[in-house]
């Protein structure tokens, strides 16, 4: 029996209600250039989202420190993805609207209070959780296709996404003590499951 690394959540990353429906890996591999371009843009957006949170909540010292670290990591990942693309002679394709993220963001409560911050953190957590699952699936599919170097890169990168998921959940608990974080995460996870089940498979991370 294999012992799971305690730093990595379970295969559904705790909060996720459903796995990606079968077939996404084949679509992602069929146009790997598009998938990797989308992944690069996802890393860019994750870095910007972390910096936006830092900018919006400058008085929250722990949040500021964690978002600065997260943004650095996401920028490094962006650079690494672009490096793998350059090695294949591929340029970055234009960014496309992310229907998955847009649907989750639409569920966030507005305003400037704890409720709004809680939702912002938990939506970010769910996006990271799904990223972990998708990057892990892509890494395993690449390994089966004999793309050992790229497979190892994606499997390792998935570990980081799992860690980011936990950072956002922990921040919601510590920064929003008036909120029932577990209950709200469950509510948003139900929405996430419905969105991921409804979206067609495309050569992109979300």
N, C-alpha and C. Protein backbone atom coordinates (compact mmCIF):
# COMPACT_ATOMS: atom_id res chain seq x y z
N UNK A 1 0.84 -1.19 0.00
CA UNK A 1 0.00 0.00 0.00
C UNK A 1 0.88 1.25 0.00
N UNK A 2 0.60 2.17 -0.95
CA UNK A 2 1.40 3.38 -1.07
C UNK A 2 0.96 4.41 -0.05
N UNK A 3 1.93 5.02 0.60
CA UNK A 3 1.64 6.08 1.55
C UNK A 3 1.68 7.42 0.81
N UNK A 4 0.58 8.17 0.91
CA UNK A 4 0.53 9.46 0.23
C UNK A 4 1.37 10.49 0.97
N UNK A 5 2.08 11.31 0.21
CA UNK A 5 2.84 12.41 0.79
C UNK A 5 1.87 13.30 1.58
N UNK A 6 2.11 13.53 2.87
CA UNK A 6 1.17 14.32 3.68
C UNK A 6 1.02 15.76 3.22
N UNK A 7 1.95 16.23 2.39
CA UNK A 7 1.85 17.60 1.88
C UNK A 7 0.89 17.70 0.70
N UNK A 8 0.49 16.56 0.17
CA UNK A 8 -0.39 16.56 -0.99
C UNK A 8 -1.78 16.10 -0.56
N UNK A 9 -2.82 16.89 -0.83
CA UNK A 9 -4.18 16.44 -0.48
C UNK A 9 -4.57 15.20 -1.29
N UNK A 10 -5.74 14.65 -1.00
CA UNK A 10 -6.14 13.45 -1.72
C UNK A 10 -6.40 13.76 -3.19
N UNK A 11 -6.73 12.75 -3.97
CA UNK A 11 -6.77 12.90 -5.42
C UNK A 11 -7.83 13.87 -5.89
N UNK A 12 -8.83 14.14 -5.09
CA UNK A 12 -9.81 15.16 -5.46
C UNK A 12 -9.49 16.50 -4.81
N UNK A 13 -8.34 16.61 -4.17
CA UNK A 13 -7.88 17.81 -3.48
C UNK A 13 -8.94 18.31 -2.51
N UNK A 14 -9.38 17.40 -1.64
CA UNK A 14 -10.24 17.76 -0.52
C UNK A 14 -11.63 18.23 -0.93
N UNK A 15 -11.69 19.42 -1.50
CA UNK A 15 -12.98 20.06 -1.71
C UNK A 15 -13.66 19.63 -3.00
N UNK A 16 -12.93 19.18 -3.99
CA UNK A 16 -13.54 18.88 -5.28
C UNK A 16 -14.56 17.76 -5.14
N UNK A 17 -15.71 17.98 -5.74
CA UNK A 17 -16.81 17.01 -5.64
C UNK A 17 -16.74 15.93 -6.72
N UNK A 18 -16.24 16.27 -7.88
CA UNK A 18 -16.17 15.28 -8.97
C UNK A 18 -14.80 15.37 -9.64
N UNK A 19 -14.42 14.27 -10.26
CA UNK A 19 -13.22 14.25 -11.09
C UNK A 19 -13.58 14.80 -12.47
N UNK A 20 -12.56 15.20 -13.20
CA UNK A 20 -12.79 15.60 -14.59
C UNK A 20 -13.39 14.43 -15.35
N UNK A 21 -14.48 14.64 -16.10
CA UNK A 21 -15.06 13.55 -16.88
C UNK A 21 -14.04 12.94 -17.85
N UNK A 22 -14.12 11.65 -18.11
CA UNK A 22 -13.14 10.98 -18.96
C UNK A 22 -13.01 11.63 -20.34
N UNK A 23 -11.80 11.60 -20.86
CA UNK A 23 -11.57 12.07 -22.22
C UNK A 23 -10.82 13.38 -22.33
N UNK A 24 -10.71 14.12 -21.23
CA UNK A 24 -10.04 15.42 -21.32
C UNK A 24 -8.56 15.25 -21.71
N UNK A 25 -7.90 14.25 -21.17
CA UNK A 25 -6.47 14.08 -21.44
C UNK A 25 -6.19 13.91 -22.93
N UNK A 26 -7.04 13.12 -23.62
CA UNK A 26 -6.84 12.89 -25.06
C UNK A 26 -6.97 14.20 -25.83
N UNK A 27 -7.95 15.02 -25.45
CA UNK A 27 -8.14 16.31 -26.11
C UNK A 27 -6.96 17.23 -25.83
N UNK A 28 -6.48 17.23 -24.58
CA UNK A 28 -5.35 18.08 -24.22
C UNK A 28 -4.09 17.68 -24.98
N UNK A 29 -3.85 16.39 -25.15
CA UNK A 29 -2.66 15.92 -25.86
C UNK A 29 -2.77 16.13 -27.36
N UNK A 30 -3.98 16.08 -27.89
CA UNK A 30 -4.17 16.21 -29.34
C UNK A 30 -3.74 17.58 -29.85
N UNK A 31 -3.84 18.60 -29.02
CA UNK A 31 -3.33 19.93 -29.38
C UNK A 31 -2.54 20.45 -28.18
N UNK A 32 -1.40 19.83 -27.94
CA UNK A 32 -0.59 20.15 -26.77
C UNK A 32 -0.10 21.60 -26.81
N UNK A 33 0.13 22.12 -28.00
CA UNK A 33 0.54 23.52 -28.13
C UNK A 33 -0.52 24.44 -27.53
N UNK A 34 -1.78 24.20 -27.87
CA UNK A 34 -2.88 25.01 -27.33
C UNK A 34 -3.01 24.83 -25.83
N UNK A 35 -2.87 23.59 -25.37
CA UNK A 35 -3.00 23.30 -23.94
C UNK A 35 -1.91 24.01 -23.15
N UNK A 36 -0.69 23.96 -23.65
CA UNK A 36 0.41 24.59 -22.93
C UNK A 36 0.32 26.11 -22.99
N UNK A 37 -0.16 26.65 -24.10
CA UNK A 37 -0.38 28.10 -24.17
C UNK A 37 -1.40 28.53 -23.14
N UNK A 38 -2.49 27.77 -23.05
CA UNK A 38 -3.51 28.10 -22.06
C UNK A 38 -2.95 27.98 -20.65
N UNK A 39 -2.12 26.98 -20.44
CA UNK A 39 -1.52 26.81 -19.12
C UNK A 39 -0.63 28.00 -18.77
N UNK A 40 0.14 28.47 -19.74
CA UNK A 40 1.00 29.64 -19.50
C UNK A 40 0.15 30.84 -19.09
N UNK A 41 -0.94 31.06 -19.79
CA UNK A 41 -1.81 32.18 -19.44
C UNK A 41 -2.44 31.97 -18.06
N UNK A 42 -2.75 30.72 -17.71
CA UNK A 42 -3.31 30.45 -16.38
C UNK A 42 -2.32 30.80 -15.28
N UNK A 43 -1.05 30.49 -15.50
CA UNK A 43 -0.02 30.84 -14.52
C UNK A 43 0.11 32.37 -14.40
N UNK A 44 0.05 33.04 -15.53
CA UNK A 44 0.09 34.51 -15.53
C UNK A 44 -1.07 35.08 -14.71
N UNK A 45 -2.27 34.56 -14.95
CA UNK A 45 -3.45 35.07 -14.24
C UNK A 45 -3.38 34.76 -12.75
N UNK A 46 -2.82 33.61 -12.40
CA UNK A 46 -2.69 33.26 -10.98
C UNK A 46 -1.75 34.23 -10.28
N UNK A 47 -0.65 34.59 -10.94
CA UNK A 47 0.28 35.56 -10.35
C UNK A 47 -0.39 36.91 -10.17
N UNK A 48 -1.12 37.34 -11.19
CA UNK A 48 -1.81 38.63 -11.12
C UNK A 48 -2.89 38.63 -10.04
N UNK A 49 -3.58 37.50 -9.89
CA UNK A 49 -4.62 37.41 -8.86
C UNK A 49 -4.01 37.51 -7.47
N UNK A 50 -2.86 36.87 -7.27
CA UNK A 50 -2.19 36.97 -5.98
C UNK A 50 -1.77 38.40 -5.68
N UNK A 51 -1.23 39.08 -6.68
CA UNK A 51 -0.81 40.47 -6.47
C UNK A 51 -2.01 41.38 -6.25
N UNK A 52 -3.12 41.07 -6.91
CA UNK A 52 -4.34 41.87 -6.71
C UNK A 52 -4.85 41.73 -5.28
N UNK A 53 -4.81 40.52 -4.74
CA UNK A 53 -5.22 40.31 -3.35
C UNK A 53 -4.29 41.06 -2.40
N UNK A 54 -3.00 40.98 -2.65
CA UNK A 54 -2.02 41.71 -1.84
C UNK A 54 -2.33 43.21 -1.86
N UNK A 55 -2.64 43.73 -3.03
CA UNK A 55 -2.92 45.15 -3.17
C UNK A 55 -4.21 45.56 -2.47
N UNK A 56 -5.19 44.65 -2.49
CA UNK A 56 -6.50 44.97 -1.90
C UNK A 56 -6.50 44.89 -0.38
N UNK A 57 -5.58 44.11 0.20
CA UNK A 57 -5.59 43.86 1.65
C UNK A 57 -4.20 44.12 2.24
N UNK A 58 -3.65 45.34 2.06
CA UNK A 58 -2.26 45.57 2.47
C UNK A 58 -2.01 45.48 3.97
N UNK A 59 -3.07 45.61 4.77
CA UNK A 59 -2.90 45.58 6.22
C UNK A 59 -2.86 44.15 6.78
N UNK A 60 -3.15 43.18 5.97
CA UNK A 60 -3.17 41.78 6.41
C UNK A 60 -1.79 41.17 6.15
N UNK A 61 -0.93 41.22 7.14
CA UNK A 61 0.48 40.89 6.95
C UNK A 61 0.70 39.46 6.44
N UNK A 62 0.00 38.49 7.03
CA UNK A 62 0.19 37.11 6.62
C UNK A 62 -0.28 36.91 5.18
N UNK A 63 -1.42 37.48 4.85
CA UNK A 63 -1.93 37.37 3.48
C UNK A 63 -0.95 38.01 2.50
N UNK A 64 -0.44 39.18 2.83
CA UNK A 64 0.51 39.87 1.95
C UNK A 64 1.75 39.00 1.71
N UNK A 65 2.29 38.44 2.77
CA UNK A 65 3.49 37.61 2.63
C UNK A 65 3.23 36.38 1.79
N UNK A 66 2.09 35.74 2.03
CA UNK A 66 1.79 34.51 1.28
C UNK A 66 1.49 34.80 -0.18
N UNK A 67 0.81 35.92 -0.46
CA UNK A 67 0.51 36.25 -1.85
C UNK A 67 1.76 36.67 -2.61
N UNK A 68 2.69 37.34 -1.94
CA UNK A 68 3.95 37.69 -2.58
C UNK A 68 4.71 36.42 -2.97
N UNK A 69 4.75 35.46 -2.07
CA UNK A 69 5.43 34.19 -2.35
C UNK A 69 4.72 33.43 -3.47
N UNK A 70 3.39 33.40 -3.41
CA UNK A 70 2.63 32.69 -4.44
C UNK A 70 2.86 33.33 -5.81
N UNK A 71 2.84 34.65 -5.88
CA UNK A 71 3.05 35.33 -7.16
C UNK A 71 4.43 35.00 -7.73
N UNK A 72 5.44 34.95 -6.88
CA UNK A 72 6.78 34.58 -7.35
C UNK A 72 6.79 33.17 -7.92
N UNK A 73 6.12 32.26 -7.24
CA UNK A 73 6.08 30.87 -7.71
C UNK A 73 5.33 30.76 -9.04
N UNK A 74 4.22 31.48 -9.17
CA UNK A 74 3.44 31.40 -10.40
C UNK A 74 4.21 31.99 -11.58
N UNK A 75 4.94 33.07 -11.34
CA UNK A 75 5.76 33.65 -12.41
C UNK A 75 6.86 32.68 -12.82
N UNK A 76 7.45 31.99 -11.85
CA UNK A 76 8.47 30.98 -12.18
C UNK A 76 7.86 29.86 -13.02
N UNK A 77 6.65 29.44 -12.65
CA UNK A 77 5.99 28.40 -13.43
C UNK A 77 5.71 28.88 -14.85
N UNK A 78 5.27 30.13 -14.98
CA UNK A 78 5.04 30.70 -16.31
C UNK A 78 6.32 30.62 -17.14
N UNK A 79 7.43 31.01 -16.56
CA UNK A 79 8.70 30.98 -17.27
C UNK A 79 9.08 29.56 -17.66
N UNK A 80 8.82 28.61 -16.78
CA UNK A 80 9.14 27.21 -17.07
C UNK A 80 8.27 26.67 -18.21
N UNK A 81 6.98 26.97 -18.19
CA UNK A 81 6.10 26.51 -19.27
C UNK A 81 6.56 27.10 -20.60
N UNK A 82 6.86 28.40 -20.60
CA UNK A 82 7.32 29.04 -21.84
C UNK A 82 8.63 28.41 -22.31
N UNK A 83 9.50 28.04 -21.38
CA UNK A 83 10.75 27.38 -21.75
C UNK A 83 10.51 26.05 -22.45
N UNK A 84 9.58 25.25 -21.92
CA UNK A 84 9.25 23.98 -22.57
C UNK A 84 8.62 24.21 -23.94
N UNK A 85 7.85 25.26 -24.08
CA UNK A 85 7.26 25.57 -25.38
C UNK A 85 8.34 25.99 -26.38
N UNK A 86 9.25 26.84 -25.94
CA UNK A 86 10.34 27.28 -26.84
C UNK A 86 11.18 26.09 -27.32
N UNK A 87 11.39 25.12 -26.41
CA UNK A 87 12.18 23.95 -26.77
C UNK A 87 11.53 23.15 -27.90
N UNK A 88 10.21 23.31 -28.04
CA UNK A 88 9.48 22.62 -29.11
C UNK A 88 9.23 23.53 -30.31
N UNK A 89 9.77 24.75 -30.24
CA UNK A 89 9.58 25.67 -31.35
C UNK A 89 8.21 26.32 -31.37
N UNK A 90 7.54 26.35 -30.22
CA UNK A 90 6.18 26.87 -30.14
C UNK A 90 6.16 28.26 -29.53
N UNK A 91 5.40 29.15 -30.13
CA UNK A 91 5.16 30.48 -29.57
C UNK A 91 3.90 30.45 -28.71
N UNK A 92 3.78 31.45 -27.86
CA UNK A 92 2.59 31.58 -27.02
C UNK A 92 1.42 32.03 -27.88
N UNK A 93 0.31 31.32 -27.78
CA UNK A 93 -0.89 31.71 -28.50
C UNK A 93 -1.67 32.75 -27.70
N UNK A 94 -2.60 33.46 -28.35
CA UNK A 94 -3.38 34.48 -27.63
C UNK A 94 -4.18 33.88 -26.48
N UNK A 95 -4.38 34.70 -25.46
CA UNK A 95 -5.19 34.30 -24.31
C UNK A 95 -6.64 34.18 -24.75
N UNK A 96 -7.37 33.28 -24.08
CA UNK A 96 -8.80 33.12 -24.35
C UNK A 96 -9.57 33.27 -23.05
N UNK A 97 -10.80 33.71 -23.17
CA UNK A 97 -11.63 33.87 -21.97
C UNK A 97 -11.77 32.53 -21.25
N UNK A 98 -11.69 32.58 -19.94
CA UNK A 98 -11.77 31.37 -19.11
C UNK A 98 -13.19 31.25 -18.55
N UNK A 99 -14.01 30.45 -19.22
CA UNK A 99 -15.41 30.30 -18.78
C UNK A 99 -15.51 29.65 -17.42
N UNK A 100 -14.58 28.77 -17.12
CA UNK A 100 -14.58 28.10 -15.82
C UNK A 100 -14.37 29.10 -14.70
N UNK A 101 -13.30 29.87 -14.78
CA UNK A 101 -13.02 30.86 -13.73
C UNK A 101 -14.11 31.91 -13.66
N UNK A 102 -14.61 32.33 -14.82
CA UNK A 102 -15.65 33.36 -14.84
C UNK A 102 -16.90 32.90 -14.11
N UNK A 103 -17.27 31.63 -14.30
CA UNK A 103 -18.47 31.10 -13.64
C UNK A 103 -18.30 31.07 -12.13
N UNK A 104 -17.11 30.73 -11.66
CA UNK A 104 -16.88 30.71 -10.22
C UNK A 104 -16.82 32.12 -9.64
N UNK A 105 -16.18 33.02 -10.34
CA UNK A 105 -16.07 34.40 -9.85
C UNK A 105 -17.46 35.03 -9.74
N UNK A 106 -18.37 34.64 -10.61
CA UNK A 106 -19.73 35.18 -10.58
C UNK A 106 -20.46 34.81 -9.29
N UNK A 107 -19.99 33.77 -8.59
CA UNK A 107 -20.62 33.33 -7.35
C UNK A 107 -20.11 34.07 -6.12
N UNK A 108 -19.06 34.86 -6.28
CA UNK A 108 -18.48 35.54 -5.12
C UNK A 108 -19.40 36.64 -4.60
N UNK A 109 -19.45 36.76 -3.29
CA UNK A 109 -20.18 37.87 -2.68
C UNK A 109 -19.37 39.15 -2.83
N UNK A 110 -20.05 40.26 -3.06
CA UNK A 110 -19.37 41.52 -3.31
C UNK A 110 -19.10 42.30 -2.04
N UNK A 111 -18.55 43.48 -2.22
CA UNK A 111 -18.28 44.35 -1.08
C UNK A 111 -16.84 44.26 -0.61
N UNK A 112 -16.61 44.77 0.61
CA UNK A 112 -15.26 44.83 1.16
C UNK A 112 -15.12 44.09 2.48
N UNK A 113 -16.15 43.39 2.92
CA UNK A 113 -16.10 42.74 4.21
C UNK A 113 -15.51 41.35 4.17
N UNK A 114 -15.66 40.67 5.31
CA UNK A 114 -15.13 39.30 5.45
C UNK A 114 -15.75 38.34 4.45
N UNK A 115 -17.05 38.49 4.20
CA UNK A 115 -17.73 37.57 3.29
C UNK A 115 -17.11 37.63 1.90
N UNK A 116 -16.86 38.85 1.43
CA UNK A 116 -16.27 39.01 0.10
C UNK A 116 -14.86 38.44 0.05
N UNK A 117 -14.06 38.70 1.08
CA UNK A 117 -12.70 38.17 1.12
C UNK A 117 -12.71 36.66 1.20
N UNK A 118 -13.60 36.12 2.02
CA UNK A 118 -13.71 34.67 2.15
C UNK A 118 -13.99 34.03 0.79
N UNK A 119 -14.94 34.59 0.06
CA UNK A 119 -15.29 34.02 -1.24
C UNK A 119 -14.15 34.16 -2.23
N UNK A 120 -13.48 35.29 -2.18
CA UNK A 120 -12.35 35.48 -3.11
C UNK A 120 -11.27 34.44 -2.87
N UNK A 121 -10.98 34.17 -1.61
CA UNK A 121 -9.97 33.17 -1.28
C UNK A 121 -10.41 31.76 -1.63
N UNK A 122 -11.67 31.44 -1.38
CA UNK A 122 -12.15 30.08 -1.63
C UNK A 122 -12.31 29.79 -3.11
N UNK A 123 -12.72 30.78 -3.89
CA UNK A 123 -12.78 30.59 -5.34
C UNK A 123 -11.37 30.35 -5.87
N UNK A 124 -10.40 31.11 -5.39
CA UNK A 124 -9.02 30.88 -5.79
C UNK A 124 -8.56 29.48 -5.40
N UNK A 125 -8.98 29.02 -4.22
CA UNK A 125 -8.61 27.67 -3.77
C UNK A 125 -9.16 26.62 -4.72
N UNK A 126 -10.41 26.76 -5.13
CA UNK A 126 -11.02 25.78 -6.02
C UNK A 126 -10.37 25.78 -7.40
N UNK A 127 -9.98 26.95 -7.88
CA UNK A 127 -9.28 27.01 -9.17
C UNK A 127 -7.94 26.29 -9.06
N UNK A 128 -7.24 26.49 -7.96
CA UNK A 128 -5.97 25.78 -7.76
C UNK A 128 -6.18 24.27 -7.62
N UNK A 129 -7.26 23.90 -6.95
CA UNK A 129 -7.55 22.47 -6.78
C UNK A 129 -7.79 21.80 -8.12
N UNK A 130 -8.59 22.44 -8.97
CA UNK A 130 -8.85 21.85 -10.28
C UNK A 130 -7.58 21.87 -11.13
N UNK A 131 -6.77 22.89 -10.97
CA UNK A 131 -5.49 22.93 -11.69
C UNK A 131 -4.62 21.75 -11.29
N UNK A 132 -4.60 21.44 -9.97
CA UNK A 132 -3.83 20.29 -9.52
C UNK A 132 -4.30 19.03 -10.23
N UNK A 133 -5.61 18.82 -10.25
CA UNK A 133 -6.12 17.60 -10.87
C UNK A 133 -5.78 17.54 -12.35
N UNK A 134 -5.98 18.65 -13.05
CA UNK A 134 -5.74 18.66 -14.50
C UNK A 134 -4.25 18.49 -14.82
N UNK A 135 -3.38 19.18 -14.09
CA UNK A 135 -1.95 19.05 -14.36
C UNK A 135 -1.46 17.64 -14.05
N UNK A 136 -2.01 17.05 -13.01
CA UNK A 136 -1.64 15.67 -12.68
C UNK A 136 -2.11 14.71 -13.77
N UNK A 137 -3.34 14.90 -14.25
CA UNK A 137 -3.85 14.07 -15.35
C UNK A 137 -2.98 14.24 -16.60
N UNK A 138 -2.61 15.48 -16.90
CA UNK A 138 -1.79 15.74 -18.07
C UNK A 138 -0.42 15.09 -17.92
N UNK A 139 0.15 15.18 -16.73
CA UNK A 139 1.45 14.56 -16.50
C UNK A 139 1.39 13.05 -16.71
N UNK A 140 0.35 12.41 -16.19
CA UNK A 140 0.23 10.95 -16.37
C UNK A 140 0.01 10.58 -17.83
N UNK A 141 -0.78 11.40 -18.54
CA UNK A 141 -1.03 11.12 -19.96
C UNK A 141 0.25 11.29 -20.78
N UNK A 142 1.03 12.30 -20.44
CA UNK A 142 2.30 12.51 -21.14
C UNK A 142 3.26 11.36 -20.89
N UNK A 143 3.25 10.84 -19.67
CA UNK A 143 4.11 9.68 -19.36
C UNK A 143 3.72 8.48 -20.20
N UNK A 144 2.42 8.26 -20.35
CA UNK A 144 1.95 7.14 -21.17
C UNK A 144 2.31 7.33 -22.64
N UNK A 145 2.42 8.60 -23.06
CA UNK A 145 2.77 8.90 -24.45
C UNK A 145 4.27 8.91 -24.68
N UNK A 146 5.05 8.64 -23.64
CA UNK A 146 6.50 8.60 -23.78
C UNK A 146 7.18 9.94 -23.67
N UNK A 147 6.44 10.95 -23.24
CA UNK A 147 7.01 12.30 -23.07
C UNK A 147 7.51 12.45 -21.63
N UNK A 148 8.58 11.72 -21.33
CA UNK A 148 9.01 11.58 -19.94
C UNK A 148 9.41 12.90 -19.30
N UNK A 149 10.18 13.74 -19.98
CA UNK A 149 10.66 14.99 -19.39
C UNK A 149 9.49 15.93 -19.10
N UNK A 150 8.61 16.08 -20.06
CA UNK A 150 7.47 16.98 -19.86
C UNK A 150 6.51 16.39 -18.83
N UNK A 151 6.37 15.09 -18.82
CA UNK A 151 5.52 14.44 -17.83
C UNK A 151 6.02 14.71 -16.42
N UNK A 152 7.32 14.57 -16.20
CA UNK A 152 7.89 14.82 -14.88
C UNK A 152 7.68 16.27 -14.46
N UNK A 153 7.80 17.18 -15.41
CA UNK A 153 7.57 18.60 -15.12
C UNK A 153 6.15 18.83 -14.63
N UNK A 154 5.18 18.24 -15.32
CA UNK A 154 3.79 18.49 -14.94
C UNK A 154 3.40 17.80 -13.63
N UNK A 155 3.90 16.63 -13.40
CA UNK A 155 3.60 15.96 -12.13
C UNK A 155 4.17 16.76 -10.96
N UNK A 156 5.39 17.27 -11.14
CA UNK A 156 6.00 18.08 -10.08
C UNK A 156 5.25 19.39 -9.90
N UNK A 157 4.84 20.00 -11.00
CA UNK A 157 4.11 21.27 -10.92
C UNK A 157 2.78 21.08 -10.20
N UNK A 158 2.16 19.94 -10.39
CA UNK A 158 0.88 19.67 -9.72
C UNK A 158 1.02 19.74 -8.20
N UNK A 159 2.16 19.34 -7.68
CA UNK A 159 2.38 19.41 -6.24
C UNK A 159 2.25 20.84 -5.74
N UNK A 160 2.79 21.77 -6.52
CA UNK A 160 2.73 23.17 -6.12
C UNK A 160 1.30 23.69 -6.12
N UNK A 161 0.50 23.28 -7.11
CA UNK A 161 -0.89 23.73 -7.16
C UNK A 161 -1.66 23.21 -5.95
N UNK A 162 -1.38 22.00 -5.54
CA UNK A 162 -2.04 21.45 -4.35
C UNK A 162 -1.68 22.28 -3.12
N UNK A 163 -0.43 22.71 -3.04
CA UNK A 163 -0.02 23.54 -1.92
C UNK A 163 -0.70 24.90 -1.94
N UNK A 164 -0.89 25.45 -3.13
CA UNK A 164 -1.57 26.74 -3.25
C UNK A 164 -3.04 26.64 -2.82
N UNK A 165 -3.65 25.53 -3.17
CA UNK A 165 -5.03 25.29 -2.71
C UNK A 165 -5.11 25.41 -1.19
N UNK A 166 -4.18 24.77 -0.51
CA UNK A 166 -4.20 24.77 0.95
C UNK A 166 -3.90 26.16 1.50
N UNK A 167 -3.03 26.91 0.85
CA UNK A 167 -2.74 28.28 1.29
C UNK A 167 -4.01 29.12 1.30
N UNK A 168 -4.80 29.04 0.24
CA UNK A 168 -6.01 29.86 0.15
C UNK A 168 -7.06 29.43 1.18
N UNK A 169 -7.22 28.13 1.38
CA UNK A 169 -8.19 27.67 2.37
C UNK A 169 -7.76 28.09 3.77
N UNK A 170 -6.49 27.93 4.07
CA UNK A 170 -5.99 28.32 5.40
C UNK A 170 -6.13 29.83 5.62
N UNK A 171 -5.87 30.62 4.59
CA UNK A 171 -6.03 32.07 4.72
C UNK A 171 -7.49 32.44 4.97
N UNK A 172 -8.41 31.76 4.29
CA UNK A 172 -9.83 32.04 4.52
C UNK A 172 -10.19 31.79 5.98
N UNK A 173 -9.66 30.71 6.55
CA UNK A 173 -9.96 30.38 7.94
C UNK A 173 -9.36 31.40 8.91
N UNK A 174 -8.13 31.84 8.63
CA UNK A 174 -7.46 32.74 9.57
C UNK A 174 -7.88 34.19 9.40
N UNK A 175 -8.18 34.61 8.18
CA UNK A 175 -8.50 36.01 7.93
C UNK A 175 -9.99 36.32 8.02
N UNK A 176 -10.82 35.28 8.02
CA UNK A 176 -12.28 35.49 8.02
C UNK A 176 -12.92 34.69 9.17
N UNK A 177 -12.58 35.01 10.41
CA UNK A 177 -13.06 34.22 11.54
C UNK A 177 -14.57 34.25 11.73
N UNK A 178 -15.22 35.25 11.16
CA UNK A 178 -16.67 35.33 11.29
C UNK A 178 -17.42 34.49 10.28
N UNK A 179 -16.71 33.85 9.38
CA UNK A 179 -17.33 33.05 8.32
C UNK A 179 -17.22 31.56 8.61
N UNK A 180 -18.23 30.81 8.22
CA UNK A 180 -18.17 29.35 8.27
C UNK A 180 -17.48 28.89 6.99
N UNK A 181 -16.16 28.84 7.03
CA UNK A 181 -15.37 28.60 5.84
C UNK A 181 -15.65 27.22 5.25
N UNK A 182 -15.75 26.21 6.07
CA UNK A 182 -16.00 24.85 5.57
C UNK A 182 -17.33 24.77 4.84
N UNK A 183 -18.35 25.39 5.42
CA UNK A 183 -19.67 25.34 4.78
C UNK A 183 -19.66 26.10 3.47
N UNK A 184 -19.03 27.27 3.46
CA UNK A 184 -19.01 28.06 2.23
C UNK A 184 -18.18 27.39 1.16
N UNK A 185 -17.08 26.75 1.55
CA UNK A 185 -16.27 26.01 0.58
C UNK A 185 -17.10 24.89 -0.03
N UNK A 186 -17.91 24.24 0.78
CA UNK A 186 -18.76 23.18 0.26
C UNK A 186 -19.77 23.71 -0.74
N UNK A 187 -20.35 24.87 -0.45
CA UNK A 187 -21.32 25.46 -1.38
C UNK A 187 -20.66 25.81 -2.72
N UNK A 188 -19.51 26.44 -2.64
CA UNK A 188 -18.82 26.82 -3.87
C UNK A 188 -18.31 25.60 -4.63
N UNK A 189 -17.95 24.55 -3.90
CA UNK A 189 -17.48 23.32 -4.55
C UNK A 189 -18.61 22.67 -5.34
N UNK A 190 -19.84 22.77 -4.86
CA UNK A 190 -20.98 22.24 -5.62
C UNK A 190 -21.13 22.99 -6.94
N UNK A 191 -20.95 24.30 -6.89
CA UNK A 191 -21.01 25.10 -8.12
C UNK A 191 -19.88 24.69 -9.07
N UNK A 192 -18.69 24.55 -8.50
CA UNK A 192 -17.54 24.16 -9.32
C UNK A 192 -17.78 22.83 -10.02
N UNK A 193 -18.37 21.88 -9.31
CA UNK A 193 -18.63 20.56 -9.88
C UNK A 193 -19.61 20.67 -11.05
N UNK A 194 -20.64 21.48 -10.89
CA UNK A 194 -21.62 21.66 -11.96
C UNK A 194 -20.98 22.31 -13.19
N UNK A 195 -20.10 23.28 -12.95
CA UNK A 195 -19.44 23.96 -14.06
C UNK A 195 -18.52 23.01 -14.80
N UNK A 196 -17.71 22.24 -14.07
CA UNK A 196 -16.74 21.36 -14.73
C UNK A 196 -17.45 20.24 -15.47
N UNK A 197 -18.61 19.81 -14.97
CA UNK A 197 -19.36 18.76 -15.65
C UNK A 197 -20.01 19.26 -16.94
N UNK A 198 -20.34 20.54 -16.98
CA UNK A 198 -21.06 21.09 -18.13
C UNK A 198 -20.14 21.56 -19.25
N UNK A 199 -18.92 21.93 -18.91
CA UNK A 199 -18.02 22.46 -19.95
C UNK A 199 -17.53 21.35 -20.89
N UNK A 200 -17.43 21.65 -22.18
CA UNK A 200 -16.89 20.66 -23.11
C UNK A 200 -15.38 20.49 -22.90
N UNK A 201 -14.88 19.33 -23.29
CA UNK A 201 -13.44 19.13 -23.21
C UNK A 201 -12.75 19.98 -24.31
N UNK A 202 -11.73 20.72 -23.88
CA UNK A 202 -10.97 21.55 -24.80
C UNK A 202 -9.49 21.42 -24.46
N UNK A 203 -8.60 21.79 -25.40
CA UNK A 203 -7.17 21.74 -25.11
C UNK A 203 -6.76 22.94 -24.26
N UNK A 204 -7.18 22.91 -23.00
CA UNK A 204 -6.88 23.97 -22.06
C UNK A 204 -6.95 23.38 -20.65
N UNK A 205 -6.40 24.09 -19.68
CA UNK A 205 -6.32 23.54 -18.33
C UNK A 205 -7.67 23.59 -17.63
N UNK A 206 -8.48 24.62 -17.88
CA UNK A 206 -9.82 24.68 -17.29
C UNK A 206 -10.85 24.71 -18.41
